[in-house]
N, C-alpha and C. Protein backbone atom coordinates (compact mmCIF):
# COMPACT_ATOMS: atom_id res chain seq x y z
N UNK A 1 -81.02 32.30 -2.27
CA UNK A 1 -80.08 33.23 -2.30
C UNK A 1 -81.36 34.80 -2.50
N UNK A 2 -81.02 35.86 -1.89
CA UNK A 2 -81.84 36.99 -1.44
C UNK A 2 -82.24 37.67 -2.83
N UNK A 3 -83.07 37.91 -3.48
CA UNK A 3 -83.55 38.46 -5.19
C UNK A 3 -83.72 39.60 -3.90
N UNK A 4 -82.50 40.43 -5.38
CA UNK A 4 -82.69 41.61 -5.03
C UNK A 4 -82.87 42.99 -5.87
N UNK A 5 -83.40 44.08 -5.42
CA UNK A 5 -84.16 44.82 -6.02
C UNK A 5 -83.90 44.83 -7.92
N UNK A 6 -84.54 45.26 -8.91
CA UNK A 6 -83.40 45.42 -10.12
C UNK A 6 -82.45 46.34 -9.98
N UNK A 7 -81.38 46.20 -10.63
CA UNK A 7 -80.52 47.27 -10.88
C UNK A 7 -79.39 47.35 -9.67
N UNK A 8 -79.92 46.90 -8.49
CA UNK A 8 -79.10 46.76 -7.33
C UNK A 8 -77.94 46.02 -7.60
N UNK A 9 -76.72 45.93 -7.38
CA UNK A 9 -75.53 44.38 -7.78
C UNK A 9 -75.54 44.25 -6.06
N UNK A 10 -74.85 42.94 -6.27
CA UNK A 10 -74.25 42.48 -4.79
C UNK A 10 -73.16 42.45 -4.77
N UNK A 11 -72.38 42.96 -3.58
CA UNK A 11 -71.13 42.79 -3.33
C UNK A 11 -70.58 41.85 -2.37
N UNK A 12 -69.51 41.24 -2.11
CA UNK A 12 -69.19 40.28 -1.92
C UNK A 12 -68.15 41.17 -0.29
N UNK A 13 -68.69 40.61 0.24
CA UNK A 13 -67.73 41.03 1.95
C UNK A 13 -67.64 39.91 2.82
N UNK A 14 -66.55 40.11 3.46
CA UNK A 14 -66.32 39.12 4.64
C UNK A 14 -66.92 39.18 6.15
N UNK A 15 -66.70 38.22 6.56
CA UNK A 15 -67.44 38.17 7.95
C UNK A 15 -66.59 37.17 8.57
N UNK A 16 -66.65 37.44 9.59
CA UNK A 16 -65.75 36.81 10.42
C UNK A 16 -67.43 35.98 11.88
N UNK A 17 -67.30 34.30 11.53
CA UNK A 17 -68.12 33.39 12.46
C UNK A 17 -67.59 32.69 12.68
N UNK A 18 -68.24 31.91 14.00
CA UNK A 18 -67.50 30.85 14.58
C UNK A 18 -69.15 29.72 14.23
N UNK A 19 -68.72 28.24 14.17
CA UNK A 19 -69.69 27.40 14.02
C UNK A 19 -70.66 26.98 14.83
N UNK A 20 -70.04 27.30 16.02
CA UNK A 20 -71.10 27.32 17.23
C UNK A 20 -72.23 28.63 17.76
N UNK A 21 -71.69 29.46 17.09
CA UNK A 21 -72.41 30.98 17.04
C UNK A 21 -73.85 30.89 15.96
N UNK A 22 -73.20 30.01 14.88
CA UNK A 22 -74.10 30.30 13.69
C UNK A 22 -75.19 29.17 13.84
N UNK A 23 -74.72 27.88 14.43
CA UNK A 23 -75.74 26.96 15.27
C UNK A 23 -76.72 27.52 16.24
N UNK A 24 -75.71 28.01 16.84
CA UNK A 24 -77.05 28.06 17.79
C UNK A 24 -77.75 29.53 17.17
N UNK A 25 -77.07 30.60 16.37
CA UNK A 25 -78.44 31.29 15.74
C UNK A 25 -79.95 30.64 14.77
N UNK A 26 -78.94 29.70 14.01
CA UNK A 26 -80.08 28.99 13.38
C UNK A 26 -81.00 28.38 14.16
N UNK A 27 -80.92 27.58 15.11
CA UNK A 27 -81.69 27.06 15.86
C UNK A 27 -82.74 28.02 16.80
N UNK A 28 -82.30 29.18 17.15
CA UNK A 28 -83.15 30.22 16.98
C UNK A 28 -84.04 30.67 16.53
N UNK A 29 -83.37 30.70 15.27
CA UNK A 29 -84.50 31.57 14.22
C UNK A 29 -85.07 30.62 13.34
N UNK A 30 -84.95 28.66 13.32
CA UNK A 30 -85.67 27.98 13.16
C UNK A 30 -86.80 27.77 14.04
N UNK A 31 -86.95 27.86 15.32
CA UNK A 31 -88.12 27.51 16.15
C UNK A 31 -88.74 28.71 16.70
N UNK A 32 -87.82 29.94 16.06
CA UNK A 32 -88.85 31.35 16.21
C UNK A 32 -89.49 31.32 14.97
N UNK A 33 -89.53 30.79 14.04
CA UNK A 33 -90.38 30.73 12.94
C UNK A 33 -89.65 31.58 11.72
N UNK A 34 -88.44 31.65 11.64
CA UNK A 34 -87.58 32.41 10.96
C UNK A 34 -86.85 31.45 9.90
N UNK A 35 -87.45 30.78 9.22
CA UNK A 35 -86.85 29.68 8.61
C UNK A 35 -86.12 30.37 7.18
N UNK A 36 -86.36 31.05 6.97
CA UNK A 36 -85.49 31.80 5.75
C UNK A 36 -84.09 32.06 6.12
N UNK A 37 -84.21 32.65 7.31
CA UNK A 37 -82.73 33.24 7.86
C UNK A 37 -82.37 31.77 8.92
N UNK A 38 -82.85 31.17 8.86
CA UNK A 38 -82.35 30.12 9.39
C UNK A 38 -81.43 29.28 8.36
N UNK A 39 -82.15 29.35 7.06
CA UNK A 39 -81.20 28.36 5.85
C UNK A 39 -80.03 28.86 5.47
N UNK A 40 -80.48 30.37 5.67
CA UNK A 40 -78.84 31.16 5.36
C UNK A 40 -77.79 31.21 6.51
N UNK A 41 -78.24 31.10 7.63
CA UNK A 41 -76.96 31.24 8.99
C UNK A 41 -76.17 29.72 8.52
N UNK A 42 -77.40 28.54 8.37
CA UNK A 42 -76.53 27.27 8.06
C UNK A 42 -76.06 26.98 7.10
N UNK A 43 -76.29 27.80 5.92
CA UNK A 43 -75.55 27.67 4.74
C UNK A 43 -74.20 28.63 5.04
N UNK A 44 -73.82 29.72 5.62
CA UNK A 44 -72.60 30.12 5.74
C UNK A 44 -71.32 29.04 6.23
N UNK A 45 -71.92 27.89 6.96
CA UNK A 45 -71.41 27.13 7.22
C UNK A 45 -71.25 26.01 6.71
N UNK A 46 -72.26 25.53 5.56
CA UNK A 46 -72.41 23.95 4.66
C UNK A 46 -71.82 24.50 3.57
N UNK A 47 -71.34 25.88 2.99
CA UNK A 47 -70.44 26.08 1.92
C UNK A 47 -69.28 25.58 2.33
N UNK A 48 -68.79 26.25 3.44
CA UNK A 48 -67.40 26.14 4.07
C UNK A 48 -67.14 24.56 4.03
N UNK A 49 -67.69 23.86 4.81
CA UNK A 49 -67.44 22.18 5.32
C UNK A 49 -67.76 21.33 4.02
N UNK A 50 -66.21 20.72 3.97
CA UNK A 50 -66.04 19.73 2.99
C UNK A 50 -66.05 18.10 3.33
N UNK A 51 -66.09 17.77 4.95
CA UNK A 51 -66.16 16.77 5.54
C UNK A 51 -67.73 16.03 5.76
N UNK A 52 -67.56 15.14 6.36
CA UNK A 52 -68.57 14.26 6.41
C UNK A 52 -70.21 14.74 6.95
N UNK A 53 -69.59 15.60 7.58
CA UNK A 53 -71.02 16.65 8.52
C UNK A 53 -71.65 17.44 7.49
N UNK A 54 -71.02 17.88 6.19
CA UNK A 54 -71.67 18.76 4.89
C UNK A 54 -72.98 18.40 5.04
N UNK A 55 -73.53 16.82 4.69
CA UNK A 55 -74.87 16.76 4.47
C UNK A 55 -75.71 16.67 5.52
N UNK A 56 -74.93 16.51 7.06
CA UNK A 56 -76.33 17.10 8.09
C UNK A 56 -76.42 18.53 7.74
N UNK A 57 -75.94 19.55 7.76
CA UNK A 57 -75.88 20.91 7.24
C UNK A 57 -76.92 20.99 5.96
N UNK A 58 -76.96 20.25 5.14
CA UNK A 58 -77.63 20.31 3.92
C UNK A 58 -79.18 19.80 4.11
N UNK A 59 -79.16 18.85 5.15
CA UNK A 59 -80.93 18.11 5.66
C UNK A 59 -81.10 19.20 6.31
N UNK A 60 -80.66 20.05 7.19
CA UNK A 60 -81.35 20.73 8.39
C UNK A 60 -82.02 22.23 7.22
N UNK A 61 -80.62 22.41 6.02
CA UNK A 61 -81.45 23.77 5.28
C UNK A 61 -82.17 23.58 4.75
N UNK A 62 -82.57 22.12 4.33
CA UNK A 62 -83.55 21.48 3.04
C UNK A 62 -84.90 21.79 4.34
N UNK A 63 -84.85 21.38 5.57
CA UNK A 63 -85.74 21.32 6.39
C UNK A 63 -86.60 22.59 6.42
N UNK A 64 -85.26 23.50 6.76
CA UNK A 64 -85.61 25.06 7.36
C UNK A 64 -86.32 25.61 5.63
N UNK A 65 -85.74 25.19 4.63
CA UNK A 65 -86.36 25.75 3.17
C UNK A 65 -87.67 25.47 3.19
N UNK A 66 -88.12 23.90 3.41
CA UNK A 66 -89.54 23.72 2.92
C UNK A 66 -90.28 24.24 3.85
N UNK A 67 -90.14 24.56 5.22
CA UNK A 67 -91.23 25.71 5.71
C UNK A 67 -91.29 27.37 5.26
N UNK A 68 -90.08 27.69 4.44
CA UNK A 68 -90.14 28.93 3.75
C UNK A 68 -91.46 28.34 2.54
N UNK A 69 -91.30 27.54 2.35
CA UNK A 69 -92.24 27.17 0.94
C UNK A 69 -93.73 26.85 1.62
N UNK A 70 -93.80 26.12 2.74
CA UNK A 70 -94.79 26.11 3.24
C UNK A 70 -95.57 27.25 3.60
N UNK A 71 -94.77 28.35 4.56
CA UNK A 71 -95.09 30.02 4.38
C UNK A 71 -96.02 30.61 3.16
N UNK A 72 -95.23 30.04 2.45
CA UNK A 72 -96.02 30.62 0.90
C UNK A 72 -96.82 29.58 0.10
N UNK A 73 -97.50 28.44 1.01
CA UNK A 73 -98.32 27.70 -0.01
C UNK A 73 -97.79 26.66 -1.19
N UNK A 74 -96.42 26.36 -0.74
CA UNK A 74 -95.59 26.06 -2.27
C UNK A 74 -96.08 24.58 -1.77
N UNK A 75 -96.88 23.68 -1.88
CA UNK A 75 -96.80 22.19 -1.53
C UNK A 75 -95.46 21.79 -2.12
N UNK A 76 -95.73 21.90 -3.48
CA UNK A 76 -94.13 20.90 -4.33
C UNK A 76 -93.34 21.60 -3.53
N UNK A 77 -92.76 22.14 -3.48
CA UNK A 77 -91.39 23.21 -2.69
C UNK A 77 -91.51 22.31 -1.39
N UNK A 78 -92.65 22.23 -0.52
CA UNK A 78 -92.19 22.15 0.84
C UNK A 78 -92.21 20.38 0.96
N UNK A 79 -93.11 19.63 0.09
CA UNK A 79 -93.16 18.26 0.17
C UNK A 79 -91.61 17.89 -0.53
N UNK A 80 -91.34 18.50 -1.40
CA UNK A 80 -90.12 17.68 -1.93
C UNK A 80 -88.79 17.68 -0.98
N UNK A 81 -89.15 19.44 -0.48
CA UNK A 81 -87.68 19.79 0.76
C UNK A 81 -87.25 18.99 1.91
N UNK A 82 -89.01 18.56 2.39
CA UNK A 82 -89.28 17.53 3.60
C UNK A 82 -88.50 16.28 3.73
N UNK A 83 -88.95 15.35 2.43
CA UNK A 83 -88.57 14.19 1.98
C UNK A 83 -86.87 14.06 1.89
N UNK A 84 -86.41 15.19 0.60
CA UNK A 84 -84.86 14.97 0.56
C UNK A 84 -84.37 15.49 2.09
N UNK A 85 -84.50 16.69 2.60
CA UNK A 85 -83.99 16.87 3.82
C UNK A 85 -84.18 15.68 4.85
N UNK A 86 -85.19 15.05 5.08
CA UNK A 86 -85.01 14.15 5.94
C UNK A 86 -84.11 13.22 5.37
N UNK A 87 -83.71 12.99 4.25
CA UNK A 87 -83.07 11.41 3.58
C UNK A 87 -81.60 12.07 3.43
N UNK A 88 -81.08 13.49 3.79
CA UNK A 88 -79.90 13.92 4.21
C UNK A 88 -79.73 13.50 5.60
N UNK A 89 -80.44 13.60 6.34
CA UNK A 89 -79.93 13.86 7.88
C UNK A 89 -79.79 11.93 8.15
N UNK A 90 -80.72 11.01 7.45
CA UNK A 90 -81.26 10.14 7.76
C UNK A 90 -79.54 9.25 8.63
N UNK A 91 -78.64 9.65 7.71
CA UNK A 91 -77.32 8.83 8.46
C UNK A 91 -76.77 9.37 10.10
N UNK A 92 -77.36 10.28 10.32
CA UNK A 92 -76.79 11.15 11.57
C UNK A 92 -77.72 10.80 12.37
N UNK A 93 -79.15 10.03 12.08
CA UNK A 93 -80.29 10.11 13.38
C UNK A 93 -80.13 9.22 14.51
N UNK A 94 -79.45 8.11 14.55
CA UNK A 94 -79.12 7.58 15.82
C UNK A 94 -78.67 8.19 16.68
N UNK A 95 -77.10 8.38 16.37
CA UNK A 95 -76.38 9.14 17.26
C UNK A 95 -76.38 10.42 17.56
N UNK A 96 -76.64 11.10 16.44
CA UNK A 96 -76.90 12.58 16.39
C UNK A 96 -75.87 12.95 15.40
N UNK A 97 -75.45 14.51 15.73
CA UNK A 97 -73.86 14.61 15.16
C UNK A 97 -74.10 16.78 15.31
N UNK A 98 -72.86 16.90 15.87
CA UNK A 98 -72.80 18.10 15.82
C UNK A 98 -73.82 19.06 16.83
N UNK A 99 -74.27 18.27 17.89
CA UNK A 99 -75.06 18.90 18.81
C UNK A 99 -76.65 18.54 18.72
N UNK A 100 -76.65 18.30 17.20
CA UNK A 100 -77.95 18.39 17.17
C UNK A 100 -78.87 16.89 17.35
N UNK A 101 -80.14 17.36 17.98
CA UNK A 101 -80.76 16.16 18.07
C UNK A 101 -81.50 15.42 16.69
N UNK A 102 -80.77 15.00 15.91
CA UNK A 102 -81.34 14.76 14.54
C UNK A 102 -82.83 14.17 14.89
N UNK A 103 -82.54 12.74 15.48
CA UNK A 103 -83.47 11.72 15.31
C UNK A 103 -85.16 13.06 15.83
N UNK A 104 -85.17 13.39 16.39
CA UNK A 104 -86.40 14.29 17.35
C UNK A 104 -86.82 14.95 15.95
N UNK A 105 -85.49 15.51 14.82
CA UNK A 105 -86.07 16.39 14.34
C UNK A 105 -86.54 15.94 12.81
N UNK A 106 -85.88 14.96 12.68
CA UNK A 106 -86.25 14.30 11.70
C UNK A 106 -87.58 13.29 12.18
N UNK A 107 -88.05 13.09 13.23
CA UNK A 107 -89.54 12.20 13.54
C UNK A 107 -90.53 13.48 13.34
N UNK A 108 -90.44 15.01 13.52
CA UNK A 108 -91.07 15.92 13.45
C UNK A 108 -91.34 16.31 12.17
N UNK A 109 -90.24 16.03 11.64
CA UNK A 109 -90.14 16.75 9.89
C UNK A 109 -91.41 15.54 9.44
N UNK A 110 -90.75 14.36 10.06
CA UNK A 110 -91.58 13.06 8.85
C UNK A 110 -93.10 13.76 9.24
N UNK A 111 -93.48 13.72 10.80
CA UNK A 111 -94.76 13.92 10.54
C UNK A 111 -95.27 15.27 9.91
N UNK A 112 -94.90 16.13 9.61
CA UNK A 112 -95.29 17.74 9.02
C UNK A 112 -95.41 16.95 8.04
N UNK A 113 -94.79 16.38 7.09
CA UNK A 113 -94.49 15.90 5.97
C UNK A 113 -95.86 15.14 5.57
N UNK A 114 -96.10 14.17 6.54
CA UNK A 114 -97.38 13.54 6.65
C UNK A 114 -98.83 14.35 6.77
N UNK A 115 -98.62 15.42 7.68
CA UNK A 115 -99.71 16.35 7.79
C UNK A 115 -100.16 16.90 6.26
N UNK A 116 -98.98 17.33 5.78
CA UNK A 116 -98.70 18.14 4.56
C UNK A 116 -99.08 17.71 3.18
N UNK A 117 -99.05 15.80 3.29
CA UNK A 117 -100.05 15.36 2.38
C UNK A 117 -101.27 15.64 2.41
N UNK A 118 -101.69 14.92 3.60
CA UNK A 118 -103.28 14.66 3.77
C UNK A 118 -103.37 15.61 3.78
N UNK A 119 -103.24 17.39 3.64
CA UNK A 119 -103.73 18.23 3.39
C UNK A 119 -104.09 18.36 1.42
N UNK A 120 -102.60 18.28 1.09
CA UNK A 120 -102.34 18.04 -0.40
C UNK A 120 -102.57 19.56 -0.55
N UNK A 121 -102.17 19.98 -2.16
CA UNK A 121 -101.67 21.19 -2.57
C UNK A 121 -103.03 22.26 -2.45
N UNK A 122 -104.31 21.72 -2.72
CA UNK A 122 -105.14 22.80 -2.50
C UNK A 122 -105.42 23.48 -0.82
N UNK A 123 -104.70 22.84 -0.12
CA UNK A 123 -105.07 22.74 1.85
C UNK A 123 -103.85 23.43 2.32
N UNK A 124 -102.69 23.37 1.37
CA UNK A 124 -101.58 23.64 1.99
C UNK A 124 -101.53 24.84 2.87
N UNK A 125 -101.67 25.88 2.44
CA UNK A 125 -102.03 26.76 3.30
C UNK A 125 -102.56 26.72 4.73
N UNK A 126 -103.26 25.54 4.62
CA UNK A 126 -103.87 25.18 6.22
C UNK A 126 -103.37 24.37 7.02
N UNK A 127 -101.61 24.61 6.36
CA UNK A 127 -100.35 23.71 7.70
C UNK A 127 -100.58 24.66 8.90
N UNK A 128 -100.37 24.13 9.78
CA UNK A 128 -100.40 24.05 11.22
C UNK A 128 -98.56 24.54 11.70
N UNK A 129 -98.59 25.28 11.74
CA UNK A 129 -97.02 25.66 12.09
C UNK A 129 -96.53 24.84 13.52
N UNK A 130 -97.49 24.80 14.32
CA UNK A 130 -97.40 24.07 15.90
C UNK A 130 -96.64 22.56 15.45
N UNK A 131 -96.59 21.69 14.12
CA UNK A 131 -96.35 20.72 13.67
C UNK A 131 -94.68 20.95 13.11
N UNK A 132 -94.29 21.78 13.09
CA UNK A 132 -92.83 22.08 12.58
C UNK A 132 -91.78 21.47 13.43
N UNK A 133 -90.81 21.08 13.15
CA UNK A 133 -90.19 20.45 14.02
C UNK A 133 -89.39 21.48 14.88
N UNK A 134 -88.75 20.72 15.82
CA UNK A 134 -88.06 22.09 16.62
C UNK A 134 -86.53 21.53 16.86
N UNK A 135 -85.53 22.82 16.35
CA UNK A 135 -83.91 22.20 16.28
C UNK A 135 -83.59 22.21 17.66
N UNK A 136 -83.17 21.34 18.45
CA UNK A 136 -82.47 21.42 19.32
C UNK A 136 -80.96 21.48 19.19
N UNK A 137 -79.54 22.08 19.80
CA UNK A 137 -79.00 22.04 19.48
C UNK A 137 -78.16 22.13 21.15
N UNK A 138 -77.44 21.00 21.60
CA UNK A 138 -76.13 21.11 22.62
C UNK A 138 -74.90 21.15 22.14
N UNK A 139 -74.74 22.96 22.65
CA UNK A 139 -73.04 23.48 22.18
C UNK A 139 -72.32 22.48 23.16
N UNK A 140 -72.50 22.02 24.40
CA UNK A 140 -71.21 21.10 25.26
C UNK A 140 -70.60 20.10 24.53
N UNK A 141 -72.06 19.63 23.45
CA UNK A 141 -71.46 18.25 22.79
C UNK A 141 -70.22 18.69 21.74
N UNK A 142 -70.12 20.07 21.10
CA UNK A 142 -69.34 20.30 19.94
C UNK A 142 -68.08 19.96 20.24
N UNK A 143 -67.02 20.05 21.09
CA UNK A 143 -65.80 19.41 20.86
C UNK A 143 -65.39 18.53 20.55
N UNK A 144 -66.39 17.52 21.01
CA UNK A 144 -66.25 15.99 20.85
C UNK A 144 -66.49 15.46 19.54
N UNK A 145 -67.74 16.46 19.05
CA UNK A 145 -68.32 15.87 18.02
C UNK A 145 -67.53 16.82 16.76
N UNK A 146 -67.17 17.77 16.75
CA UNK A 146 -66.07 18.67 16.10
C UNK A 146 -64.79 17.09 15.60
N UNK A 147 -63.98 17.05 16.82
CA UNK A 147 -63.33 16.30 16.61
C UNK A 147 -63.43 14.82 15.85
N UNK A 148 -64.94 14.43 16.33
CA UNK A 148 -64.91 13.46 15.78
C UNK A 148 -65.72 13.04 14.17
N UNK A 149 -66.23 14.43 13.91
CA UNK A 149 -66.52 14.58 12.35
C UNK A 149 -65.30 14.91 11.58
N UNK A 150 -64.42 15.39 12.34
CA UNK A 150 -63.16 16.61 11.74
C UNK A 150 -63.82 17.66 10.93
N UNK A 151 -64.63 18.51 11.80
CA UNK A 151 -65.34 19.30 10.84
C UNK A 151 -64.62 20.81 10.95
N UNK A 152 -64.73 21.36 9.86
CA UNK A 152 -64.66 22.86 9.10
C UNK A 152 -64.75 24.15 10.65
N UNK A 153 -64.23 24.56 10.72
CA UNK A 153 -64.25 25.58 12.14
C UNK A 153 -64.04 25.54 13.48
N UNK A 154 -63.04 24.78 13.89
CA UNK A 154 -62.57 23.96 14.68
C UNK A 154 -60.86 23.61 14.77
N UNK A 155 -60.57 23.39 15.67
CA UNK A 155 -58.81 23.02 15.61
C UNK A 155 -58.90 21.50 15.82
N UNK A 156 -57.74 21.03 16.36
CA UNK A 156 -58.03 19.50 16.38
C UNK A 156 -58.28 18.95 17.56
N UNK A 157 -58.55 19.80 18.41
CA UNK A 157 -58.89 19.29 19.88
C UNK A 157 -60.41 19.82 20.07
N UNK A 158 -61.10 20.43 18.92
CA UNK A 158 -62.33 20.34 19.26
C UNK A 158 -62.83 21.87 19.43
N UNK A 159 -61.68 23.19 19.38
CA UNK A 159 -62.09 24.38 19.76
C UNK A 159 -62.60 25.02 18.98
N UNK A 160 -63.73 25.68 19.21
CA UNK A 160 -64.52 27.03 17.83
C UNK A 160 -63.38 27.65 17.55
N UNK A 161 -62.78 27.88 16.14
CA UNK A 161 -62.05 28.85 15.92
C UNK A 161 -62.93 30.05 15.27
N UNK A 162 -62.36 30.78 14.93
CA UNK A 162 -62.69 32.50 14.57
C UNK A 162 -62.97 32.49 12.87
N UNK A 163 -63.40 32.32 11.91
CA UNK A 163 -63.44 31.58 10.62
C UNK A 163 -63.49 33.00 9.55
N UNK A 164 -63.08 33.51 8.93
CA UNK A 164 -63.18 34.63 7.90
C UNK A 164 -63.84 33.99 6.71
N UNK A 165 -65.04 34.11 6.53
CA UNK A 165 -65.85 33.59 5.26
C UNK A 165 -66.37 34.97 4.25
N UNK A 166 -66.70 35.13 3.21
CA UNK A 166 -67.43 35.50 2.22
C UNK A 166 -68.38 35.46 1.81
N UNK A 167 -69.25 36.53 1.34
CA UNK A 167 -70.74 36.02 1.61
C UNK A 167 -71.35 37.28 0.43
N UNK A 168 -72.01 36.97 -0.05
CA UNK A 168 -72.96 37.92 -1.07
C UNK A 168 -74.12 39.02 -0.50
N UNK A 169 -74.06 40.39 -0.25
CA UNK A 169 -74.91 40.98 0.30
C UNK A 169 -75.36 41.93 -0.43
């Protein structure tokens, strides 16, 4: 969550999103090195999703959060979140899910994790962000994937719906 300045209270606001737009934006944010923003964008979908694909979003969120920790040279947080994020993504590796190439993201996250372990806590700040995974997302796959996973934010035919969510601002 975003830390607010002392004395500032957060308010709840309604926001209209579509899952495809959030997934597209999350990929752009991650691949652009805006890991915190990616985490927040995916969290909007993850918080609403109650089905099997919820852990896909959680794994992607954890990988993004790991890179937030890496930016801060926080070895412990980055190491743990890379490891657990890949664990959450494991069931989706072979076939992918919701348009994501999960296998490629996992392989790159594992390679980044190995680099981080070699660097160790004292040299975590030397991590080369060119070793970060790339999130690739295929929007054309979403209708079939939404039906396959009975995903939140889609009608029964897999068409995206405009969904109203409540977020803290």
